[in-house]
Amino acid sequence: MFWSKRTFGIFGYNRSHTPAIEAILQRVHPEDKARVQEHMHRAASEGKGCDLEYRLLMPDDSVKHVHVVAHARKMNLADSSLSERWST
């Protein structure tokens, strides 16, 4: 998984943080989390991209609205974790 410098800033992580699906989901607004997880899983399992708008709930309780475009490649789900298949 690769994050740009801007992605780290949007999600509120410093550059020493390891990019991972779990880090994304930690910030997703609770009301959006199931939908985001479903889209991410579908994109990874079907090898399709994802174009999705959702909210982030930041540690200071502020809310950010994001539009995420990501690309995934299809892999056997038994072969690796979701975070290894997802590219933002």
PDB file of N, CA and C in Angstrom:
ATOM      1  N   MET A   1       0.838  -1.162   0.000  1.00  0.00           N
ATOM      2  CA  MET A   1       0.000   0.000   0.000  1.00  0.00           C
ATOM      3  C   MET A   1       0.888   1.232   0.000  1.00  0.00           C
ATOM      4  N   PHE A   2       0.507   2.209  -0.782  1.00  0.00           N
ATOM      5  CA  PHE A   2       1.267   3.451  -0.867  1.00  0.00           C
ATOM      6  C   PHE A   2       0.367   4.633  -0.539  1.00  0.00           C
ATOM      7  N   TRP A   3       0.865   5.534   0.318  1.00  0.00           N
ATOM      8  CA  TRP A   3       0.181   6.783   0.624  1.00  0.00           C
ATOM      9  C   TRP A   3       1.091   7.932   0.240  1.00  0.00           C
ATOM     10  N   SER A   4       0.512   8.937  -0.359  1.00  0.00           N
ATOM     11  CA  SER A   4       1.258  10.159  -0.642  1.00  0.00           C
ATOM     12  C   SER A   4       1.386  10.976   0.647  1.00  0.00           C
ATOM     13  N   LYS A   5       2.238  11.980   0.609  1.00  0.00           N
ATOM     14  CA  LYS A   5       2.392  12.882   1.753  1.00  0.00           C
ATOM     15  C   LYS A   5       1.043  13.516   2.094  1.00  0.00           C
ATOM     16  N   ARG A   6       0.295  13.866   1.070  1.00  0.00           N
ATOM     17  CA  ARG A   6      -1.019  14.483   1.273  1.00  0.00           C
ATOM     18  C   ARG A   6      -1.989  13.512   1.959  1.00  0.00           C
ATOM     19  N   THR A   7      -1.939  12.226   1.578  1.00  0.00           N
ATOM     20  CA  THR A   7      -2.817  11.233   2.198  1.00  0.00           C
ATOM     21  C   THR A   7      -2.553  11.128   3.690  1.00  0.00           C
ATOM     22  N   PHE A   8      -1.274  11.118   4.077  1.00  0.00           N
ATOM     23  CA  PHE A   8      -0.949  11.091   5.503  1.00  0.00           C
ATOM     24  C   PHE A   8      -1.595  12.273   6.212  1.00  0.00           C
ATOM     25  N   GLY A   9      -1.504  13.461   5.610  1.00  0.00           N
ATOM     26  CA  GLY A   9      -2.078  14.659   6.208  1.00  0.00           C
ATOM     27  C   GLY A   9      -3.585  14.596   6.311  1.00  0.00           C
ATOM     28  N   ILE A  10      -4.234  14.122   5.274  1.00  0.00           N
ATOM     29  CA  ILE A  10      -5.701  14.025   5.285  1.00  0.00           C
ATOM     30  C   ILE A  10      -6.175  13.111   6.409  1.00  0.00           C
ATOM     31  N   PHE A  11      -5.517  11.981   6.551  1.00  0.00           N
ATOM     32  CA  PHE A  11      -5.916  11.024   7.579  1.00  0.00           C
ATOM     33  C   PHE A  11      -5.350  11.346   8.961  1.00  0.00           C
ATOM     34  N   GLY A  12      -4.502  12.357   9.043  1.00  0.00           N
ATOM     35  CA  GLY A  12      -3.980  12.795  10.331  1.00  0.00           C
ATOM     36  C   GLY A  12      -2.921  11.894  10.930  1.00  0.00           C
ATOM     37  N   TYR A  13      -2.162  11.236  10.079  1.00  0.00           N
ATOM     38  CA  TYR A  13      -1.066  10.379  10.546  1.00  0.00           C
ATOM     39  C   TYR A  13       0.253  11.001  10.135  1.00  0.00           C
ATOM     40  N   ASN A  14       1.296  10.774  10.957  1.00  0.00           N
ATOM     41  CA  ASN A  14       2.612  11.244  10.538  1.00  0.00           C
ATOM     42  C   ASN A  14       3.229  10.205   9.613  1.00  0.00           C
ATOM     43  N   ARG A  15       4.266  10.609   8.914  1.00  0.00           N
ATOM     44  CA  ARG A  15       4.861   9.758   7.871  1.00  0.00           C
ATOM     45  C   ARG A  15       5.504   8.489   8.414  1.00  0.00           C
ATOM     46  N   SER A  16       5.726   8.407   9.705  1.00  0.00           N
ATOM     47  CA  SER A  16       6.313   7.193  10.268  1.00  0.00           C
ATOM     48  C   SER A  16       5.258   6.100  10.476  1.00  0.00           C
ATOM     49  N   HIS A  17       3.988   6.460  10.365  1.00  0.00           N
ATOM     50  CA  HIS A  17       2.886   5.502  10.513  1.00  0.00           C
ATOM     51  C   HIS A  17       2.849   4.602   9.275  1.00  0.00           C
ATOM     52  N   THR A  18       2.667   3.323   9.452  1.00  0.00           N
ATOM     53  CA  THR A  18       2.610   2.388   8.332  1.00  0.00           C
ATOM     54  C   THR A  18       1.230   2.438   7.679  1.00  0.00           C
ATOM     55  N   PRO A  19       1.150   2.757   6.389  1.00  0.00           N
ATOM     56  CA  PRO A  19      -0.141   2.778   5.699  1.00  0.00           C
ATOM     57  C   PRO A  19      -0.792   1.395   5.720  1.00  0.00           C
ATOM     58  N   ALA A  20      -2.047   1.352   6.100  1.00  0.00           N
ATOM     59  CA  ALA A  20      -2.765   0.083   6.170  1.00  0.00           C
ATOM     60  C   ALA A  20      -4.265   0.336   6.143  1.00  0.00           C
ATOM     61  N   ILE A  21      -5.000  -0.667   5.733  1.00  0.00           N
ATOM     62  CA  ILE A  21      -6.458  -0.584   5.720  1.00  0.00           C
ATOM     63  C   ILE A  21      -6.972  -0.257   7.111  1.00  0.00           C
ATOM     64  N   GLU A  22      -6.380  -0.853   8.116  1.00  0.00           N
ATOM     65  CA  GLU A  22      -6.815  -0.626   9.485  1.00  0.00           C
ATOM     66  C   GLU A  22      -6.682   0.842   9.870  1.00  0.00           C
ATOM     67  N   ALA A  23      -5.643   1.514   9.384  1.00  0.00           N
ATOM     68  CA  ALA A  23      -5.451   2.941   9.668  1.00  0.00           C
ATOM     69  C   ALA A  23      -6.549   3.770   9.012  1.00  0.00           C
ATOM     70  N   ILE A  24      -6.961   3.374   7.818  1.00  0.00           N
ATOM     71  CA  ILE A  24      -8.055   4.065   7.149  1.00  0.00           C
ATOM     72  C   ILE A  24      -9.339   3.869   7.931  1.00  0.00           C
ATOM     73  N   LEU A  25      -9.650   2.623   8.240  1.00  0.00           N
ATOM     74  CA  LEU A  25     -10.903   2.323   8.924  1.00  0.00           C
ATOM     75  C   LEU A  25     -10.971   2.936  10.320  1.00  0.00           C
ATOM     76  N   GLN A  26      -9.833   3.130  10.946  1.00  0.00           N
ATOM     77  CA  GLN A  26      -9.805   3.756  12.264  1.00  0.00           C
ATOM     78  C   GLN A  26     -10.349   5.178  12.201  1.00  0.00           C
ATOM     79  N   ARG A  27     -10.209   5.829  11.055  1.00  0.00           N
ATOM     80  CA  ARG A  27     -10.643   7.214  10.901  1.00  0.00           C
ATOM     81  C   ARG A  27     -12.033   7.351  10.267  1.00  0.00           C
ATOM     82  N   VAL A  28     -12.542   6.303   9.635  1.00  0.00           N
ATOM     83  CA  VAL A  28     -13.837   6.395   8.960  1.00  0.00           C
ATOM     84  C   VAL A  28     -14.938   6.629   9.985  1.00  0.00           C
ATOM     85  N   HIS A  29     -15.822   7.553   9.675  1.00  0.00           N
ATOM     86  CA  HIS A  29     -16.957   7.866  10.551  1.00  0.00           C
ATOM     87  C   HIS A  29     -17.754   6.584  10.805  1.00  0.00           C
ATOM     88  N   PRO A  30     -18.165   6.336  12.045  1.00  0.00           N
ATOM     89  CA  PRO A  30     -18.889   5.097  12.365  1.00  0.00           C
ATOM     90  C   PRO A  30     -20.119   4.850  11.480  1.00  0.00           C
ATOM     91  N   GLU A  31     -20.818   5.909  11.090  1.00  0.00           N
ATOM     92  CA  GLU A  31     -22.005   5.742  10.251  1.00  0.00           C
ATOM     93  C   GLU A  31     -21.656   5.351   8.817  1.00  0.00           C
ATOM     94  N   ASP A  32     -20.416   5.523   8.405  1.00  0.00           N
ATOM     95  CA  ASP A  32     -19.975   5.209   7.040  1.00  0.00           C
ATOM     96  C   ASP A  32     -19.144   3.929   6.970  1.00  0.00           C
ATOM     97  N   LYS A  33     -18.731   3.412   8.123  1.00  0.00           N
ATOM     98  CA  LYS A  33     -17.738   2.337   8.153  1.00  0.00           C
ATOM     99  C   LYS A  33     -18.175   1.069   7.411  1.00  0.00           C
ATOM    100  N   ALA A  34     -19.389   0.591   7.618  1.00  0.00           N
ATOM    101  CA  ALA A  34     -19.821  -0.652   6.962  1.00  0.00           C
ATOM    102  C   ALA A  34     -19.811  -0.497   5.444  1.00  0.00           C
ATOM    103  N   ARG A  35     -20.284   0.646   4.953  1.00  0.00           N
ATOM    104  CA  ARG A  35     -20.320   0.898   3.505  1.00  0.00           C
ATOM    105  C   ARG A  35     -18.905   0.957   2.936  1.00  0.00           C
ATOM    106  N   VAL A  36     -17.997   1.628   3.638  1.00  0.00           N
ATOM    107  CA  VAL A  36     -16.610   1.738   3.178  1.00  0.00           C
ATOM    108  C   VAL A  36     -15.947   0.365   3.154  1.00  0.00           C
ATOM    109  N   GLN A  37     -16.140  -0.411   4.219  1.00  0.00           N
ATOM    110  CA  GLN A  37     -15.559  -1.753   4.263  1.00  0.00           C
ATOM    111  C   GLN A  37     -16.089  -2.615   3.120  1.00  0.00           C
ATOM    112  N   GLU A  38     -17.386  -2.531   2.845  1.00  0.00           N
ATOM    113  CA  GLU A  38     -17.979  -3.305   1.764  1.00  0.00           C
ATOM    114  C   GLU A  38     -17.378  -2.927   0.416  1.00  0.00           C
ATOM    115  N   HIS A  39     -17.239  -1.634   0.157  1.00  0.00           N
ATOM    116  CA  HIS A  39     -16.667  -1.180  -1.114  1.00  0.00           C
ATOM    117  C   HIS A  39     -15.206  -1.591  -1.244  1.00  0.00           C
ATOM    118  N   MET A  40     -14.448  -1.468  -0.164  1.00  0.00           N
ATOM    119  CA  MET A  40     -13.033  -1.839  -0.206  1.00  0.00           C
ATOM    120  C   MET A  40     -12.863  -3.339  -0.449  1.00  0.00           C
ATOM    121  N   HIS A  41     -13.668  -4.125   0.239  1.00  0.00           N
ATOM    122  CA  HIS A  41     -13.568  -5.576   0.083  1.00  0.00           C
ATOM    123  C   HIS A  41     -13.961  -5.985  -1.331  1.00  0.00           C
ATOM    124  N   ARG A  42     -15.040  -5.410  -1.843  1.00  0.00           N
ATOM    125  CA  ARG A  42     -15.486  -5.733  -3.199  1.00  0.00           C
ATOM    126  C   ARG A  42     -14.422  -5.338  -4.223  1.00  0.00           C
ATOM    127  N   ALA A  43     -13.861  -4.160  -4.065  1.00  0.00           N
ATOM    128  CA  ALA A  43     -12.839  -3.699  -5.003  1.00  0.00           C
ATOM    129  C   ALA A  43     -11.637  -4.635  -5.001  1.00  0.00           C
ATOM    130  N   ALA A  44     -11.209  -5.046  -3.819  1.00  0.00           N
ATOM    131  CA  ALA A  44     -10.039  -5.922  -3.716  1.00  0.00           C
ATOM    132  C   ALA A  44     -10.345  -7.328  -4.239  1.00  0.00           C
ATOM    133  N   SER A  45     -11.506  -7.869  -3.902  1.00  0.00           N
ATOM    134  CA  SER A  45     -11.810  -9.244  -4.310  1.00  0.00           C
ATOM    135  C   SER A  45     -12.130  -9.354  -5.790  1.00  0.00           C
ATOM    136  N   GLU A  46     -12.682  -8.273  -6.381  1.00  0.00           N
ATOM    137  CA  GLU A  46     -13.025  -8.300  -7.799  1.00  0.00           C
ATOM    138  C   GLU A  46     -11.957  -7.650  -8.673  1.00  0.00           C
ATOM    139  N   GLY A  47     -10.935  -7.087  -8.058  1.00  0.00           N
ATOM    140  CA  GLY A  47      -9.877  -6.447  -8.817  1.00  0.00           C
ATOM    141  C   GLY A  47     -10.322  -5.152  -9.466  1.00  0.00           C
ATOM    142  N   LYS A  48     -11.315  -4.499  -8.873  1.00  0.00           N
ATOM    143  CA  LYS A  48     -11.850  -3.254  -9.422  1.00  0.00           C
ATOM    144  C   LYS A  48     -11.412  -2.073  -8.573  1.00  0.00           C
ATOM    145  N   GLY A  49     -11.447  -0.905  -9.165  1.00  0.00           N
ATOM    146  CA  GLY A  49     -11.150   0.307  -8.427  1.00  0.00           C
ATOM    147  C   GLY A  49     -12.318   0.707  -7.549  1.00  0.00           C
ATOM    148  N   CYS A  50     -12.104   1.727  -6.775  1.00  0.00           N
ATOM    149  CA  CYS A  50     -13.120   2.213  -5.855  1.00  0.00           C
ATOM    150  C   CYS A  50     -13.156   3.733  -5.949  1.00  0.00           C
ATOM    151  N   ASP A  51     -14.334   4.277  -6.117  1.00  0.00           N
ATOM    152  CA  ASP A  51     -14.546   5.717  -6.170  1.00  0.00           C
ATOM    153  C   ASP A  51     -15.659   5.993  -5.181  1.00  0.00           C
ATOM    154  N   LEU A  52     -15.325   6.590  -4.039  1.00  0.00           N
ATOM    155  CA  LEU A  52     -16.241   6.631  -2.913  1.00  0.00           C
ATOM    156  C   LEU A  52     -16.095   7.919  -2.127  1.00  0.00           C
ATOM    157  N   GLU A  53     -17.212   8.456  -1.673  1.00  0.00           N
ATOM    158  CA  GLU A  53     -17.205   9.611  -0.780  1.00  0.00           C
ATOM    159  C   GLU A  53     -17.658   9.153   0.598  1.00  0.00           C
ATOM    160  N   TYR A  54     -16.933   9.589   1.616  1.00  0.00           N
ATOM    161  CA  TYR A  54     -17.306   9.257   2.983  1.00  0.00           C
ATOM    162  C   TYR A  54     -16.703  10.278   3.933  1.00  0.00           C
ATOM    163  N   ARG A  55     -17.009  10.113   5.197  1.00  0.00           N
ATOM    164  CA  ARG A  55     -16.527  11.043   6.220  1.00  0.00           C
ATOM    165  C   ARG A  55     -15.461  10.384   7.084  1.00  0.00           C
ATOM    166  N   LEU A  56     -14.543  11.212   7.542  1.00  0.00           N
ATOM    167  CA  LEU A  56     -13.548  10.789   8.527  1.00  0.00           C
ATOM    168  C   LEU A  56     -13.888  11.459   9.842  1.00  0.00           C
ATOM    169  N   LEU A  57     -13.809  10.712  10.920  1.00  0.00           N
ATOM    170  CA  LEU A  57     -13.959  11.271  12.259  1.00  0.00           C
ATOM    171  C   LEU A  57     -12.570  11.307  12.873  1.00  0.00           C
ATOM    172  N   MET A  58     -12.059  12.515  13.047  1.00  0.00           N
ATOM    173  CA  MET A  58     -10.689  12.691  13.499  1.00  0.00           C
ATOM    174  C   MET A  58     -10.603  12.605  15.022  1.00  0.00           C
ATOM    175  N   PRO A  59      -9.403  12.379  15.564  1.00  0.00           N
ATOM    176  CA  PRO A  59      -9.229  12.255  17.010  1.00  0.00           C
ATOM    177  C   PRO A  59      -9.730  13.465  17.807  1.00  0.00           C
ATOM    178  N   ASP A  60      -9.727  14.649  17.184  1.00  0.00           N
ATOM    179  CA  ASP A  60     -10.212  15.853  17.883  1.00  0.00           C
ATOM    180  C   ASP A  60     -11.719  16.054  17.684  1.00  0.00           C
ATOM    181  N   ASP A  61     -12.411  15.030  17.171  1.00  0.00           N
ATOM    182  CA  ASP A  61     -13.856  15.020  16.909  1.00  0.00           C
ATOM    183  C   ASP A  61     -14.279  15.885  15.720  1.00  0.00           C
ATOM    184  N   SER A  62     -13.329  16.417  14.963  1.00  0.00           N
ATOM    185  CA  SER A  62     -13.692  17.123  13.743  1.00  0.00           C
ATOM    186  C   SER A  62     -14.045  16.089  12.675  1.00  0.00           C
ATOM    187  N   VAL A  63     -14.829  16.509  11.697  1.00  0.00           N
ATOM    188  CA  VAL A  63     -15.252  15.624  10.615  1.00  0.00           C
ATOM    189  C   VAL A  63     -14.710  16.167   9.299  1.00  0.00           C
ATOM    190  N   LYS A  64     -14.116  15.275   8.513  1.00  0.00           N
ATOM    191  CA  LYS A  64     -13.641  15.619   7.175  1.00  0.00           C
ATOM    192  C   LYS A  64     -14.454  14.826   6.173  1.00  0.00           C
ATOM    193  N   HIS A  65     -14.809  15.472   5.085  1.00  0.00           N
ATOM    194  CA  HIS A  65     -15.492  14.805   3.983  1.00  0.00           C
ATOM    195  C   HIS A  65     -14.442  14.530   2.914  1.00  0.00           C
ATOM    196  N   VAL A  66     -14.328  13.268   2.506  1.00  0.00           N
ATOM    197  CA  VAL A  66     -13.310  12.898   1.533  1.00  0.00           C
ATOM    198  C   VAL A  66     -13.937  12.198   0.331  1.00  0.00           C
ATOM    199  N   HIS A  67     -13.277  12.342  -0.795  1.00  0.00           N
ATOM    200  CA  HIS A  67     -13.616  11.613  -2.017  1.00  0.00           C
ATOM    201  C   HIS A  67     -12.373  10.808  -2.348  1.00  0.00           C
ATOM    202  N   VAL A  68     -12.484   9.508  -2.242  1.00  0.00           N
ATOM    203  CA  VAL A  68     -11.335   8.625  -2.415  1.00  0.00           C
ATOM    204  C   VAL A  68     -11.468   7.844  -3.717  1.00  0.00           C
ATOM    205  N   VAL A  69     -10.407   7.872  -4.485  1.00  0.00           N
ATOM    206  CA  VAL A  69     -10.306   7.047  -5.686  1.00  0.00           C
ATOM    207  C   VAL A  69      -9.105   6.128  -5.457  1.00  0.00           C
ATOM    208  N   ALA A  70      -9.355   4.840  -5.467  1.00  0.00           N
ATOM    209  CA  ALA A  70      -8.283   3.875  -5.207  1.00  0.00           C
ATOM    210  C   ALA A  70      -8.361   2.753  -6.225  1.00  0.00           C
ATOM    211  N   HIS A  71      -7.262   2.063  -6.379  1.00  0.00           N
ATOM    212  CA  HIS A  71      -7.176   0.954  -7.323  1.00  0.00           C
ATOM    213  C   HIS A  71      -6.782  -0.302  -6.573  1.00  0.00           C
ATOM    214  N   ALA A  72      -7.383  -1.398  -6.955  1.00  0.00           N
ATOM    215  CA  ALA A  72      -7.065  -2.680  -6.328  1.00  0.00           C
ATOM    216  C   ALA A  72      -6.748  -3.675  -7.426  1.00  0.00           C
ATOM    217  N   ARG A  73      -5.997  -4.688  -7.070  1.00  0.00           N
ATOM    218  CA  ARG A  73      -5.754  -5.745  -8.039  1.00  0.00           C
ATOM    219  C   ARG A  73      -6.341  -7.035  -7.478  1.00  0.00           C
ATOM    220  N   LYS A  74      -6.877  -7.848  -8.344  1.00  0.00           N
ATOM    221  CA  LYS A  74      -7.553  -9.069  -7.934  1.00  0.00           C
ATOM    222  C   LYS A  74      -6.536 -10.115  -7.498  1.00  0.00           C
ATOM    223  N   MET A  75      -6.797 -10.686  -6.328  1.00  0.00           N
ATOM    224  CA  MET A  75      -5.957 -11.759  -5.807  1.00  0.00           C
ATOM    225  C   MET A  75      -6.860 -12.757  -5.108  1.00  0.00           C
ATOM    226  N   ASN A  76      -6.368 -13.935  -4.911  1.00  0.00           N
ATOM    227  CA  ASN A  76      -7.098 -14.934  -4.154  1.00  0.00           C
ATOM    228  C   ASN A  76      -7.166 -14.463  -2.707  1.00  0.00           C
ATOM    229  N   LEU A  77      -8.377 -14.351  -2.156  1.00  0.00           N
ATOM    230  CA  LEU A  77      -8.540 -13.837  -0.802  1.00  0.00           C
ATOM    231  C   LEU A  77      -7.820 -14.690   0.235  1.00  0.00           C
ATOM    232  N   ALA A  78      -7.610 -15.945  -0.043  1.00  0.00           N
ATOM    233  CA  ALA A  78      -6.922 -16.816   0.902  1.00  0.00           C
ATOM    234  C   ALA A  78      -5.413 -16.587   0.892  1.00  0.00           C
ATOM    235  N   ASP A  79      -4.906 -15.927  -0.151  1.00  0.00           N
ATOM    236  CA  ASP A  79      -3.465 -15.776  -0.310  1.00  0.00           C
ATOM    237  C   ASP A  79      -2.857 -14.634   0.477  1.00  0.00           C
ATOM    238  N   SER A  80      -3.624 -13.569   0.752  1.00  0.00           N
ATOM    239  CA  SER A  80      -3.041 -12.434   1.450  1.00  0.00           C
ATOM    240  C   SER A  80      -4.113 -11.614   2.124  1.00  0.00           C
ATOM    241  N   SER A  81      -3.684 -10.718   2.984  1.00  0.00           N
ATOM    242  CA  SER A  81      -4.633  -9.877   3.710  1.00  0.00           C
ATOM    243  C   SER A  81      -5.150  -8.765   2.809  1.00  0.00           C
ATOM    244  N   LEU A  82      -6.277  -8.194   3.188  1.00  0.00           N
ATOM    245  CA  LEU A  82      -6.873  -7.111   2.419  1.00  0.00           C
ATOM    246  C   LEU A  82      -5.912  -5.952   2.275  1.00  0.00           C
ATOM    247  N   SER A  83      -5.138  -5.645   3.300  1.00  0.00           N
ATOM    248  CA  SER A  83      -4.250  -4.501   3.233  1.00  0.00           C
ATOM    249  C   SER A  83      -3.151  -4.672   2.190  1.00  0.00           C
ATOM    250  N   GLU A  84      -2.819  -5.906   1.855  1.00  0.00           N
ATOM    251  CA  GLU A  84      -1.807  -6.143   0.829  1.00  0.00           C
ATOM    252  C   GLU A  84      -2.378  -5.993  -0.566  1.00  0.00           C
ATOM    253  N   ARG A  85      -3.688  -6.042  -0.701  1.00  0.00           N
ATOM    254  CA  ARG A  85      -4.310  -5.944  -2.013  1.00  0.00           C
ATOM    255  C   ARG A  85      -4.785  -4.550  -2.337  1.00  0.00           C
ATOM    256  N   TRP A  86      -4.807  -3.656  -1.414  1.00  0.00           N
ATOM    257  CA  TRP A  86      -5.432  -2.339  -1.593  1.00  0.00           C
ATOM    258  C   TRP A  86      -4.385  -1.265  -1.815  1.00  0.00           C
ATOM    259  N   SER A  87      -4.572  -0.463  -2.801  1.00  0.00           N
ATOM    260  CA  SER A  87      -3.645   0.593  -3.126  1.00  0.00           C
ATOM    261  C   SER A  87      -4.400   1.913  -3.212  1.00  0.00           C
ATOM    262  N   THR A  88      -3.957   2.924  -2.458  1.00  0.00           N
ATOM    263  CA  THR A  88      -4.627   4.230  -2.484  1.00  0.00           C
ATOM    264  C   THR A  88      -3.775   5.244  -3.164  1.00  0.00           C
TER     265      THR A  88
END
